[in-house]
PDB file of N, CA and C in Angstrom:
ATOM      1  N   MET A   1       0.729  -1.276   0.096  1.00  0.00           N
ATOM      2  CA  MET A   1       0.026  -0.099  -0.062  1.00  0.00           C
ATOM      3  C   MET A   1       0.767   1.270   0.194  1.00  0.00           C
ATOM      4  N   VAL A   2       0.851   2.239  -0.865  1.00  0.00           N
ATOM      5  CA  VAL A   2       1.213   3.356  -0.937  1.00  0.00           C
ATOM      6  C   VAL A   2       1.109   4.033   0.191  1.00  0.00           C
ATOM      7  N   ASN A   3       2.037   5.192   1.022  1.00  0.00           N
ATOM      8  CA  ASN A   3       1.764   5.765   1.842  1.00  0.00           C
ATOM      9  C   ASN A   3       1.495   7.178   1.375  1.00  0.00           C
ATOM     10  N   TYR A   4       0.504   7.937   1.703  1.00  0.00           N
ATOM     11  CA  TYR A   4       0.813   9.516   0.954  1.00  0.00           C
ATOM     12  C   TYR A   4       0.431  10.188   1.956  1.00  0.00           C
ATOM     13  N   GLN A   5       1.562  10.992   2.443  1.00  0.00           N
ATOM     14  CA  GLN A   5       1.172  11.612   3.338  1.00  0.00           C
ATOM     15  C   GLN A   5       1.601  13.234   2.959  1.00  0.00           C
ATOM     16  N   ASP A   6       0.982  14.002   3.121  1.00  0.00           N
ATOM     17  CA  ASP A   6       1.045  15.433   2.919  1.00  0.00           C
ATOM     18  C   ASP A   6       0.722  16.588   4.112  1.00  0.00           C
ATOM     19  N   SER A   7       1.076  16.606   5.286  1.00  0.00           N
ATOM     20  CA  SER A   7       0.210  17.386   6.175  1.00  0.00           C
ATOM     21  C   SER A   7      -0.166  18.760   6.004  1.00  0.00           C
ATOM     22  N   LYS A   8       0.633  19.322   4.886  1.00  0.00           N
ATOM     23  CA  LYS A   8       0.292  20.620   4.689  1.00  0.00           C
ATOM     24  C   LYS A   8      -0.966  20.501   3.731  1.00  0.00           C
ATOM     25  N   LEU A   9      -1.281  19.855   2.995  1.00  0.00           N
ATOM     26  CA  LEU A   9      -2.386  19.152   2.044  1.00  0.00           C
ATOM     27  C   LEU A   9      -3.249  18.884   2.749  1.00  0.00           C
ATOM     28  N   ASP A  10      -3.150  18.063   3.820  1.00  0.00           N
ATOM     29  CA  ASP A  10      -4.385  17.246   4.813  1.00  0.00           C
ATOM     30  C   ASP A  10      -4.809  18.257   5.911  1.00  0.00           C
ATOM     31  N   ARG A  11      -4.070  19.482   6.003  1.00  0.00           N
ATOM     32  CA  ARG A  11      -4.493  20.965   7.006  1.00  0.00           C
ATOM     33  C   ARG A  11      -5.426  21.625   6.139  1.00  0.00           C
ATOM     34  N   THR A  12      -4.984  21.678   5.116  1.00  0.00           N
ATOM     35  CA  THR A  12      -5.816  22.490   3.812  1.00  0.00           C
ATOM     36  C   THR A  12      -7.263  21.802   3.999  1.00  0.00           C
ATOM     37  N   PHE A  13      -7.259  20.916   3.306  1.00  0.00           N
ATOM     38  CA  PHE A  13      -8.497  20.389   3.491  1.00  0.00           C
ATOM     39  C   PHE A  13      -9.258  19.951   4.568  1.00  0.00           C
ATOM     40  N   ALA A  14      -8.850  19.678   5.904  1.00  0.00           N
ATOM     41  CA  ALA A  14      -9.539  20.037   7.088  1.00  0.00           C
ATOM     42  C   ALA A  14     -10.155  21.520   7.548  1.00  0.00           C
ATOM     43  N   ALA A  15      -9.112  22.228   6.896  1.00  0.00           N
ATOM     44  CA  ALA A  15      -9.576  23.575   7.181  1.00  0.00           C
ATOM     45  C   ALA A  15     -11.076  23.592   6.372  1.00  0.00           C
ATOM     46  N   LEU A  16     -10.798  23.409   5.104  1.00  0.00           N
ATOM     47  CA  LEU A  16     -11.740  23.834   4.194  1.00  0.00           C
ATOM     48  C   LEU A  16     -13.101  22.686   4.665  1.00  0.00           C
ATOM     49  N   SER A  17     -13.037  22.218   5.103  1.00  0.00           N
ATOM     50  CA  SER A  17     -14.063  21.393   5.448  1.00  0.00           C
ATOM     51  C   SER A  17     -15.562  21.522   6.308  1.00  0.00           C
ATOM     52  N   ASP A  18     -15.132  22.565   7.106  1.00  0.00           N
ATOM     53  CA  ASP A  18     -15.943  23.444   7.739  1.00  0.00           C
ATOM     54  C   ASP A  18     -17.006  24.491   7.004  1.00  0.00           C
ATOM     55  N   PRO A  19     -18.154  24.993   7.350  1.00  0.00           N
ATOM     56  CA  PRO A  19     -18.916  25.473   6.710  1.00  0.00           C
ATOM     57  C   PRO A  19     -18.865  26.880   7.174  1.00  0.00           C
ATOM     58  N   THR A  20     -18.042  27.080   8.300  1.00  0.00           N
ATOM     59  CA  THR A  20     -18.049  28.183   9.060  1.00  0.00           C
ATOM     60  C   THR A  20     -16.413  28.931   8.593  1.00  0.00           C
ATOM     61  N   ARG A  21     -15.779  28.131   8.423  1.00  0.00           N
ATOM     62  CA  ARG A  21     -14.423  28.237   8.265  1.00  0.00           C
ATOM     63  C   ARG A  21     -14.473  28.787   6.219  1.00  0.00           C
ATOM     64  N   ARG A  22     -15.354  28.132   5.670  1.00  0.00           N
ATOM     65  CA  ARG A  22     -15.173  28.756   4.469  1.00  0.00           C
ATOM     66  C   ARG A  22     -15.966  29.701   4.139  1.00  0.00           C
ATOM     67  N   ALA A  23     -16.423  30.104   4.976  1.00  0.00           N
ATOM     68  CA  ALA A  23     -17.761  31.359   4.947  1.00  0.00           C
ATOM     69  C   ALA A  23     -16.632  32.734   5.565  1.00  0.00           C
ATOM     70  N   LEU A  24     -15.832  32.411   6.513  1.00  0.00           N
ATOM     71  CA  LEU A  24     -15.096  33.418   6.593  1.00  0.00           C
ATOM     72  C   LEU A  24     -13.816  33.615   5.438  1.00  0.00           C
ATOM     73  N   LEU A  25     -13.515  32.595   4.915  1.00  0.00           N
ATOM     74  CA  LEU A  25     -12.447  32.594   3.677  1.00  0.00           C
ATOM     75  C   LEU A  25     -13.359  33.716   2.655  1.00  0.00           C
ATOM     76  N   SER A  26     -14.271  33.237   2.422  1.00  0.00           N
ATOM     77  CA  SER A  26     -15.396  33.921   1.430  1.00  0.00           C
ATOM     78  C   SER A  26     -15.240  35.425   1.747  1.00  0.00           C
ATOM     79  N   GLN A  27     -15.435  35.731   3.086  1.00  0.00           N
ATOM     80  CA  GLN A  27     -15.446  37.672   3.319  1.00  0.00           C
ATOM     81  C   GLN A  27     -14.425  38.022   2.927  1.00  0.00           C
ATOM     82  N   LEU A  28     -13.284  37.173   3.711  1.00  0.00           N
ATOM     83  CA  LEU A  28     -11.822  38.009   3.312  1.00  0.00           C
ATOM     84  C   LEU A  28     -11.212  37.839   1.824  1.00  0.00           C
ATOM     85  N   GLY A  29     -12.003  36.760   1.080  1.00  0.00           N
ATOM     86  CA  GLY A  29     -12.176  37.336  -0.835  1.00  0.00           C
ATOM     87  C   GLY A  29     -12.700  38.255  -1.206  1.00  0.00           C
ATOM     88  N   GLU A  30     -13.541  38.682  -1.151  1.00  0.00           N
ATOM     89  CA  GLU A  30     -14.223  39.848  -1.050  1.00  0.00           C
ATOM     90  C   GLU A  30     -13.885  41.034  -0.353  1.00  0.00           C
ATOM     91  N   ARG A  31     -13.031  40.879   0.476  1.00  0.00           N
ATOM     92  CA  ARG A  31     -12.324  42.303   1.683  1.00  0.00           C
ATOM     93  C   ARG A  31     -11.383  41.843   2.036  1.00  0.00           C
ATOM     94  N   GLN A  32      -9.910  42.386   1.495  1.00  0.00           N
ATOM     95  CA  GLN A  32      -8.786  41.586   2.055  1.00  0.00           C
ATOM     96  C   GLN A  32      -8.532  41.683   3.082  1.00  0.00           C
ATOM     97  N   ASP A  33      -8.728  43.212   4.162  1.00  0.00           N
ATOM     98  CA  ASP A  33      -8.193  43.509   5.290  1.00  0.00           C
ATOM     99  C   ASP A  33      -9.178  43.352   6.467  1.00  0.00           C
ATOM    100  N   MET A  34      -9.658  42.473   6.952  1.00  0.00           N
ATOM    101  CA  MET A  34     -10.498  42.594   7.598  1.00  0.00           C
ATOM    102  C   MET A  34     -10.648  42.214   9.424  1.00  0.00           C
ATOM    103  N   SER A  35     -10.761  42.981  10.255  1.00  0.00           N
ATOM    104  CA  SER A  35     -10.873  42.874  11.597  1.00  0.00           C
ATOM    105  C   SER A  35     -11.696  41.570  11.935  1.00  0.00           C
ATOM    106  N   VAL A  36     -10.742  40.962  13.299  1.00  0.00           N
ATOM    107  CA  VAL A  36     -11.563  39.380  13.886  1.00  0.00           C
ATOM    108  C   VAL A  36     -13.128  39.850  13.992  1.00  0.00           C
ATOM    109  N   THR A  37     -13.123  41.269  14.471  1.00  0.00           N
ATOM    110  CA  THR A  37     -14.687  41.647  15.021  1.00  0.00           C
ATOM    111  C   THR A  37     -15.333  41.624  13.756  1.00  0.00           C
ATOM    112  N   GLU A  38     -14.914  42.761  12.628  1.00  0.00           N
ATOM    113  CA  GLU A  38     -15.795  42.357  11.425  1.00  0.00           C
ATOM    114  C   GLU A  38     -16.092  41.145  11.153  1.00  0.00           C
ATOM    115  N   LEU A  39     -15.163  40.381  11.176  1.00  0.00           N
ATOM    116  CA  LEU A  39     -15.192  38.771  10.338  1.00  0.00           C
ATOM    117  C   LEU A  39     -16.575  37.949  11.037  1.00  0.00           C
ATOM    118  N   ALA A  40     -16.344  38.259  12.408  1.00  0.00           N
ATOM    119  CA  ALA A  40     -17.192  37.791  13.387  1.00  0.00           C
ATOM    120  C   ALA A  40     -18.709  38.009  13.452  1.00  0.00           C
ATOM    121  N   ARG A  41     -18.954  39.364  13.053  1.00  0.00           N
ATOM    122  CA  ARG A  41     -20.057  39.911  12.985  1.00  0.00           C
ATOM    123  C   ARG A  41     -21.378  39.369  12.626  1.00  0.00           C
ATOM    124  N   PRO A  42     -21.268  38.532  11.225  1.00  0.00           N
ATOM    125  CA  PRO A  42     -22.055  37.831  10.496  1.00  0.00           C
ATOM    126  C   PRO A  42     -22.520  36.377  11.313  1.00  0.00           C
ATOM    127  N   PHE A  43     -21.586  35.709  12.215  1.00  0.00           N
ATOM    128  CA  PHE A  43     -22.334  34.581  12.705  1.00  0.00           C
ATOM    129  C   PHE A  43     -22.505  34.862  14.016  1.00  0.00           C
ATOM    130  N   SER A  44     -23.727  33.443  14.805  1.00  0.00           N
ATOM    131  CA  SER A  44     -24.142  33.498  15.346  1.00  0.00           C
ATOM    132  C   SER A  44     -23.672  33.005  16.851  1.00  0.00           C
ATOM    133  N   MET A  45     -21.972  33.312  16.890  1.00  0.00           N
ATOM    134  CA  MET A  45     -21.453  32.304  17.742  1.00  0.00           C
ATOM    135  C   MET A  45     -20.405  33.220  18.432  1.00  0.00           C
ATOM    136  N   SER A  46     -19.874  33.003  19.622  1.00  0.00           N
ATOM    137  CA  SER A  46     -19.146  33.897  20.283  1.00  0.00           C
ATOM    138  C   SER A  46     -17.847  33.871  19.544  1.00  0.00           C
ATOM    139  N   LEU A  47     -17.161  35.098  19.875  1.00  0.00           N
ATOM    140  CA  LEU A  47     -16.254  35.486  19.533  1.00  0.00           C
ATOM    141  C   LEU A  47     -14.764  34.411  19.524  1.00  0.00           C
ATOM    142  N   PRO A  48     -14.795  34.073  20.996  1.00  0.00           N
ATOM    143  CA  PRO A  48     -13.718  33.166  21.194  1.00  0.00           C
ATOM    144  C   PRO A  48     -14.034  31.793  20.062  1.00  0.00           C
ATOM    145  N   ALA A  49     -15.335  31.464  19.784  1.00  0.00           N
ATOM    146  CA  ALA A  49     -15.393  30.054  18.935  1.00  0.00           C
ATOM    147  C   ALA A  49     -15.094  30.800  17.311  1.00  0.00           C
ATOM    148  N   VAL A  50     -15.133  31.598  16.997  1.00  0.00           N
ATOM    149  CA  VAL A  50     -14.906  32.654  15.877  1.00  0.00           C
ATOM    150  C   VAL A  50     -13.256  32.256  15.505  1.00  0.00           C
ATOM    151  N   MET A  51     -12.566  32.989  16.800  1.00  0.00           N
ATOM    152  CA  MET A  51     -11.429  33.086  17.194  1.00  0.00           C
ATOM    153  C   MET A  51     -10.547  31.412  16.843  1.00  0.00           C
ATOM    154  N   LYS A  52     -11.194  30.280  16.862  1.00  0.00           N
ATOM    155  CA  LYS A  52     -10.712  29.133  17.284  1.00  0.00           C
ATOM    156  C   LYS A  52     -11.114  28.820  15.878  1.00  0.00           C
ATOM    157  N   HIS A  53     -11.959  29.109  14.861  1.00  0.00           N
ATOM    158  CA  HIS A  53     -11.925  28.685  13.029  1.00  0.00           C
ATOM    159  C   HIS A  53     -10.774  29.091  12.545  1.00  0.00           C
ATOM    160  N   LEU A  54     -10.937  30.861  13.262  1.00  0.00           N
ATOM    161  CA  LEU A  54      -9.268  31.590  12.429  1.00  0.00           C
ATOM    162  C   LEU A  54      -8.260  30.977  12.750  1.00  0.00           C
ATOM    163  N   ASP A  55      -8.023  30.404  13.966  1.00  0.00           N
ATOM    164  CA  ASP A  55      -6.456  29.550  14.334  1.00  0.00           C
ATOM    165  C   ASP A  55      -6.156  28.456  13.237  1.00  0.00           C
ATOM    166  N   VAL A  56      -7.295  27.522  12.729  1.00  0.00           N
ATOM    167  CA  VAL A  56      -7.183  26.857  12.184  1.00  0.00           C
ATOM    168  C   VAL A  56      -7.287  26.918  10.835  1.00  0.00           C
ATOM    169  N   LEU A  57      -7.335  27.825  10.173  1.00  0.00           N
ATOM    170  CA  LEU A  57      -7.588  28.723   8.904  1.00  0.00           C
ATOM    171  C   LEU A  57      -5.990  29.266   8.713  1.00  0.00           C
ATOM    172  N   SER A  58      -5.554  29.774  10.232  1.00  0.00           N
ATOM    173  CA  SER A  58      -3.968  30.642  10.183  1.00  0.00           C
ATOM    174  C   SER A  58      -3.014  29.051  10.159  1.00  0.00           C
ATOM    175  N   ASP A  59      -3.569  28.029  11.010  1.00  0.00           N
ATOM    176  CA  ASP A  59      -2.429  26.674  11.404  1.00  0.00           C
ATOM    177  C   ASP A  59      -2.228  26.138  10.146  1.00  0.00           C
ATOM    178  N   ALA A  60      -3.567  26.256   8.888  1.00  0.00           N
ATOM    179  CA  ALA A  60      -3.679  25.785   7.436  1.00  0.00           C
ATOM    180  C   ALA A  60      -3.011  26.872   6.639  1.00  0.00           C
ATOM    181  N   GLY A  61      -2.549  27.879   6.968  1.00  0.00           N
ATOM    182  CA  GLY A  61      -1.908  28.750   6.160  1.00  0.00           C
ATOM    183  C   GLY A  61      -2.772  29.450   5.127  1.00  0.00           C
ATOM    184  N   LEU A  62      -4.411  29.198   5.481  1.00  0.00           N
ATOM    185  CA  LEU A  62      -4.900  29.859   4.593  1.00  0.00           C
ATOM    186  C   LEU A  62      -5.304  31.457   4.648  1.00  0.00           C
ATOM    187  N   ILE A  63      -4.567  32.080   5.951  1.00  0.00           N
ATOM    188  CA  ILE A  63      -4.750  33.242   6.691  1.00  0.00           C
ATOM    189  C   ILE A  63      -3.867  33.673   7.309  1.00  0.00           C
ATOM    190  N   THR A  64      -3.428  35.184   7.296  1.00  0.00           N
ATOM    191  CA  THR A  64      -2.367  35.605   8.248  1.00  0.00           C
ATOM    192  C   THR A  64      -2.925  36.682   8.713  1.00  0.00           C
ATOM    193  N   ARG A  65      -2.619  36.946   9.812  1.00  0.00           N
ATOM    194  CA  ARG A  65      -3.255  37.629  11.033  1.00  0.00           C
ATOM    195  C   ARG A  65      -2.108  38.830  11.342  1.00  0.00           C
ATOM    196  N   SER A  66      -2.328  39.992  11.457  1.00  0.00           N
ATOM    197  CA  SER A  66      -1.430  41.105  12.154  1.00  0.00           C
ATOM    198  C   SER A  66      -2.058  42.277  13.049  1.00  0.00           C
ATOM    199  N   LYS A  67      -1.339  42.522  14.296  1.00  0.00           N
ATOM    200  CA  LYS A  67      -2.182  42.973  14.916  1.00  0.00           C
ATOM    201  C   LYS A  67      -1.303  44.761  15.060  1.00  0.00           C
ATOM    202  N   THR A  68      -2.160  45.657  15.203  1.00  0.00           N
ATOM    203  CA  THR A  68      -1.926  46.674  15.074  1.00  0.00           C
ATOM    204  C   THR A  68      -2.385  47.418  16.311  1.00  0.00           C
ATOM    205  N   GLY A  69      -1.916  47.804  17.577  1.00  0.00           N
ATOM    206  CA  GLY A  69      -2.554  48.313  17.983  1.00  0.00           C
ATOM    207  C   GLY A  69      -3.550  47.238  19.161  1.00  0.00           C
ATOM    208  N   ARG A  70      -4.809  46.784  19.073  1.00  0.00           N
ATOM    209  CA  ARG A  70      -5.481  46.669  19.899  1.00  0.00           C
ATOM    210  C   ARG A  70      -6.515  45.915  18.690  1.00  0.00           C
ATOM    211  N   ARG A  71      -6.311  45.862  17.556  1.00  0.00           N
ATOM    212  CA  ARG A  71      -6.986  45.609  16.311  1.00  0.00           C
ATOM    213  C   ARG A  71      -6.085  44.667  15.396  1.00  0.00           C
ATOM    214  N   VAL A  72      -6.574  43.351  15.278  1.00  0.00           N
ATOM    215  CA  VAL A  72      -6.177  41.757  14.794  1.00  0.00           C
ATOM    216  C   VAL A  72      -7.006  41.959  13.699  1.00  0.00           C
ATOM    217  N   ALA A  73      -6.131  42.084  12.325  1.00  0.00           N
ATOM    218  CA  ALA A  73      -6.469  42.077  11.140  1.00  0.00           C
ATOM    219  C   ALA A  73      -6.318  40.757   9.942  1.00  0.00           C
ATOM    220  N   CYS A  74      -7.475  39.820   9.573  1.00  0.00           N
ATOM    221  CA  CYS A  74      -6.965  39.094   8.988  1.00  0.00           C
ATOM    222  C   CYS A  74      -6.851  39.430   7.380  1.00  0.00           C
ATOM    223  N   ARG A  75      -6.022  38.241   6.683  1.00  0.00           N
ATOM    224  CA  ARG A  75      -5.622  38.581   5.209  1.00  0.00           C
ATOM    225  C   ARG A  75      -5.731  37.256   4.774  1.00  0.00           C
ATOM    226  N   LEU A  76      -6.309  37.011   3.340  1.00  0.00           N
ATOM    227  CA  LEU A  76      -6.580  35.682   3.167  1.00  0.00           C
ATOM    228  C   LEU A  76      -4.900  35.174   1.989  1.00  0.00           C
ATOM    229  N   THR A  77      -4.655  34.125   2.540  1.00  0.00           N
ATOM    230  CA  THR A  77      -3.748  33.747   1.725  1.00  0.00           C
ATOM    231  C   THR A  77      -3.999  32.335   0.670  1.00  0.00           C
ATOM    232  N   ALA A  78      -3.360  32.320  -0.554  1.00  0.00           N
ATOM    233  CA  ALA A  78      -4.408  31.580  -1.188  1.00  0.00           C
ATOM    234  C   ALA A  78      -3.168  30.311  -1.386  1.00  0.00           C
ATOM    235  N   GLU A  79      -1.768  30.618  -1.336  1.00  0.00           N
ATOM    236  CA  GLU A  79      -1.238  29.081  -2.071  1.00  0.00           C
ATOM    237  C   GLU A  79      -1.595  27.811  -1.381  1.00  0.00           C
ATOM    238  N   PRO A  80      -2.426  27.856  -0.294  1.00  0.00           N
ATOM    239  CA  PRO A  80      -2.585  26.180   0.091  1.00  0.00           C
ATOM    240  C   PRO A  80      -3.768  26.175  -0.712  1.00  0.00           C
ATOM    241  N   MET A  81      -4.716  26.654  -0.853  1.00  0.00           N
ATOM    242  CA  MET A  81      -5.782  26.585  -1.949  1.00  0.00           C
ATOM    243  C   MET A  81      -5.181  25.892  -3.530  1.00  0.00           C
ATOM    244  N   ARG A  82      -4.183  26.518  -3.890  1.00  0.00           N
ATOM    245  CA  ARG A  82      -3.754  26.746  -5.325  1.00  0.00           C
ATOM    246  C   ARG A  82      -3.144  24.949  -5.227  1.00  0.00           C
ATOM    247  N   GLU A  83      -2.213  24.883  -4.142  1.00  0.00           N
ATOM    248  CA  GLU A  83      -2.024  23.461  -4.196  1.00  0.00           C
ATOM    249  C   GLU A  83      -3.086  22.390  -3.863  1.00  0.00           C
ATOM    250  N   ALA A  84      -3.984  22.791  -3.267  1.00  0.00           N
ATOM    251  CA  ALA A  84      -5.463  21.717  -3.217  1.00  0.00           C
ATOM    252  C   ALA A  84      -5.733  21.608  -4.412  1.00  0.00           C
ATOM    253  N   VAL A  85      -6.067  22.781  -5.313  1.00  0.00           N
ATOM    254  CA  VAL A  85      -6.346  22.957  -6.822  1.00  0.00           C
ATOM    255  C   VAL A  85      -5.863  21.813  -7.495  1.00  0.00           C
ATOM    256  N   SER A  86      -3.981  22.139  -7.384  1.00  0.00           N
ATOM    257  CA  SER A  86      -3.766  21.404  -8.283  1.00  0.00           C
ATOM    258  C   SER A  86      -3.527  19.793  -8.124  1.00  0.00           C
ATOM    259  N   TRP A  87      -3.274  19.416  -6.172  1.00  0.00           N
ATOM    260  CA  TRP A  87      -3.860  18.069  -6.448  1.00  0.00           C
ATOM    261  C   TRP A  87      -5.060  17.662  -6.721  1.00  0.00           C
ATOM    262  N   LEU A  88      -6.286  18.137  -6.682  1.00  0.00           N
ATOM    263  CA  LEU A  88      -7.531  17.868  -7.168  1.00  0.00           C
ATOM    264  C   LEU A  88      -7.817  17.667  -8.561  1.00  0.00           C
ATOM    265  N   THR A  89      -6.843  18.455  -9.856  1.00  0.00           N
ATOM    266  CA  THR A  89      -7.100  18.669 -10.575  1.00  0.00           C
ATOM    267  C   THR A  89      -6.618  17.364 -11.173  1.00  0.00           C
ATOM    268  N   ARG A  90      -5.460  16.909 -10.846  1.00  0.00           N
ATOM    269  CA  ARG A  90      -5.141  15.307 -11.420  1.00  0.00           C
ATOM    270  C   ARG A  90      -6.583  14.646 -11.797  1.00  0.00           C
ATOM    271  N   TYR A  91      -7.516  14.874 -10.901  1.00  0.00           N
ATOM    272  CA  TYR A  91      -8.327  13.598 -11.004  1.00  0.00           C
ATOM    273  C   TYR A  91      -8.886  14.435 -11.996  1.00  0.00           C
ATOM    274  N   GLU A  92      -9.578  15.249 -12.521  1.00  0.00           N
ATOM    275  CA  GLU A  92     -10.253  15.807 -13.530  1.00  0.00           C
ATOM    276  C   GLU A  92     -10.785  15.043 -14.629  1.00  0.00           C
ATOM    277  N   THR A  93      -9.617  14.351 -15.269  1.00  0.00           N
ATOM    278  CA  THR A  93      -9.686  13.550 -16.417  1.00  0.00           C
ATOM    279  C   THR A  93     -10.586  12.508 -15.806  1.00  0.00           C
ATOM    280  N   PHE A  94     -10.348  12.437 -14.930  1.00  0.00           N
ATOM    281  CA  PHE A  94     -11.318  10.863 -14.370  1.00  0.00           C
ATOM    282  C   PHE A  94     -12.470  11.207 -14.150  1.00  0.00           C
ATOM    283  N   TRP A  95     -13.080  12.111 -13.808  1.00  0.00           N
ATOM    284  CA  TRP A  95     -14.288  12.654 -13.419  1.00  0.00           C
ATOM    285  C   TRP A  95     -15.098  13.250 -14.885  1.00  0.00           C
ATOM    286  N   ALA A  96     -14.125  13.883 -15.460  1.00  0.00           N
ATOM    287  CA  ALA A  96     -14.521  13.971 -16.653  1.00  0.00           C
ATOM    288  C   ALA A  96     -14.754  12.792 -17.633  1.00  0.00           C
ATOM    289  N   GLU A  97     -14.274  12.020 -17.854  1.00  0.00           N
ATOM    290  CA  GLU A  97     -14.223  10.586 -18.755  1.00  0.00           C
ATOM    291  C   GLU A  97     -15.652   9.946 -18.395  1.00  0.00           C
ATOM    292  N   GLY A  98     -15.487   9.718 -16.977  1.00  0.00           N
ATOM    293  CA  GLY A  98     -16.890   9.145 -16.328  1.00  0.00           C
ATOM    294  C   GLY A  98     -17.925   9.665 -16.400  1.00  0.00           C
ATOM    295  N   LEU A  99     -17.856  11.181 -16.253  1.00  0.00           N
ATOM    296  CA  LEU A  99     -19.122  11.955 -16.950  1.00  0.00           C
ATOM    297  C   LEU A  99     -19.840  11.572 -18.145  1.00  0.00           C
ATOM    298  N   ASP A 100     -18.914  12.001 -19.042  1.00  0.00           N
ATOM    299  CA  ASP A 100     -18.712  11.528 -20.477  1.00  0.00           C
ATOM    300  C   ASP A 100     -19.636  10.494 -21.116  1.00  0.00           C
ATOM    301  N   ARG A 101     -19.142   9.388 -20.049  1.00  0.00           N
ATOM    302  CA  ARG A 101     -19.379   7.816 -20.400  1.00  0.00           C
ATOM    303  C   ARG A 101     -20.838   7.844 -19.707  1.00  0.00           C
ATOM    304  N   LEU A 102     -21.622   8.475 -18.372  1.00  0.00           N
ATOM    305  CA  LEU A 102     -22.543   8.795 -17.757  1.00  0.00           C
ATOM    306  C   LEU A 102     -23.650   9.541 -19.182  1.00  0.00           C
ATOM    307  N   ALA A 103     -22.986  10.598 -19.686  1.00  0.00           N
ATOM    308  CA  ALA A 103     -23.908  10.828 -20.606  1.00  0.00           C
ATOM    309  C   ALA A 103     -24.336  10.356 -22.023  1.00  0.00           C
ATOM    310  N   ALA A 104     -23.549   9.528 -22.014  1.00  0.00           N
ATOM    311  CA  ALA A 104     -23.694   8.654 -23.535  1.00  0.00           C
ATOM    312  C   ALA A 104     -24.418   7.423 -23.294  1.00  0.00           C
ATOM    313  N   TYR A 105     -24.201   7.323 -21.887  1.00  0.00           N
ATOM    314  CA  TYR A 105     -25.410   6.076 -21.328  1.00  0.00           C
ATOM    315  C   TYR A 105     -26.520   6.398 -21.534  1.00  0.00           C
ATOM    316  N   ALA A 106     -26.601   7.667 -20.988  1.00  0.00           N
ATOM    317  CA  ALA A 106     -27.866   8.105 -20.672  1.00  0.00           C
ATOM    318  C   ALA A 106     -28.777   8.420 -21.902  1.00  0.00           C
ATOM    319  N   GLU A 107     -27.776   9.113 -22.853  1.00  0.00           N
ATOM    320  CA  GLU A 107     -28.380   9.138 -24.169  1.00  0.00           C
ATOM    321  C   GLU A 107     -28.898   7.981 -25.315  1.00  0.00           C
ATOM    322  N   ALA A 108     -27.862   7.128 -25.214  1.00  0.00           N
ATOM    323  CA  ALA A 108     -28.235   6.156 -25.310  1.00  0.00           C
ATOM    324  C   ALA A 108     -29.093   5.249 -25.033  1.00  0.00           C
ATOM    325  N   GLN A 109     -30.083   5.234 -23.873  1.00  0.00           N
ATOM    326  CA  GLN A 109     -31.377   4.706 -23.152  1.00  0.00           C
ATOM    327  C   GLN A 109     -32.799   5.412 -23.098  1.00  0.00           C
ATOM    328  N   GLU A 110     -32.898   6.891 -23.899  1.00  0.00           N
ATOM    329  CA  GLU A 110     -33.299   7.769 -24.073  1.00  0.00           C
ATOM    330  C   GLU A 110     -34.526   7.267 -25.721  1.00  0.00           C
ATOM    331  N   PRO A 111     -35.764   6.681 -25.349  1.00  0.00           N
ATOM    332  CA  PRO A 111     -36.286   6.355 -26.313  1.00  0.00           C
ATOM    333  C   PRO A 111     -36.361   7.607 -27.433  1.00  0.00           C
ATOM    334  N   SER A 112     -36.417   7.448 -28.917  1.00  0.00           N
ATOM    335  CA  SER A 112     -35.811   7.849 -29.789  1.00  0.00           C
ATOM    336  C   SER A 112     -37.470   8.242 -30.494  1.00  0.00           C
TER     337      SER A 112
END
């Protein structure tokens, strides 16, 4: 059995698996530099809970944080997602071929 381990890729996919973290990343995708308070505003959870989600995103390298005075700003970093997309792209041909075969089969089953 092949033992494929890429802890960086594992952390990226684990971080992206949570809908709250994906929503946080979406916010940062729309506006690059947001404070933790601004990021937490749309969610019905405590600020410490949002901070835990931000910790996971930071550990995965998906965001960076910087502190200026009392304000902690977050910024999206796309490199880990680029690596995840690269990994997924390897399987795109397999998916496309499978879907093409399924479409051909469905078309063949339709009555003329």
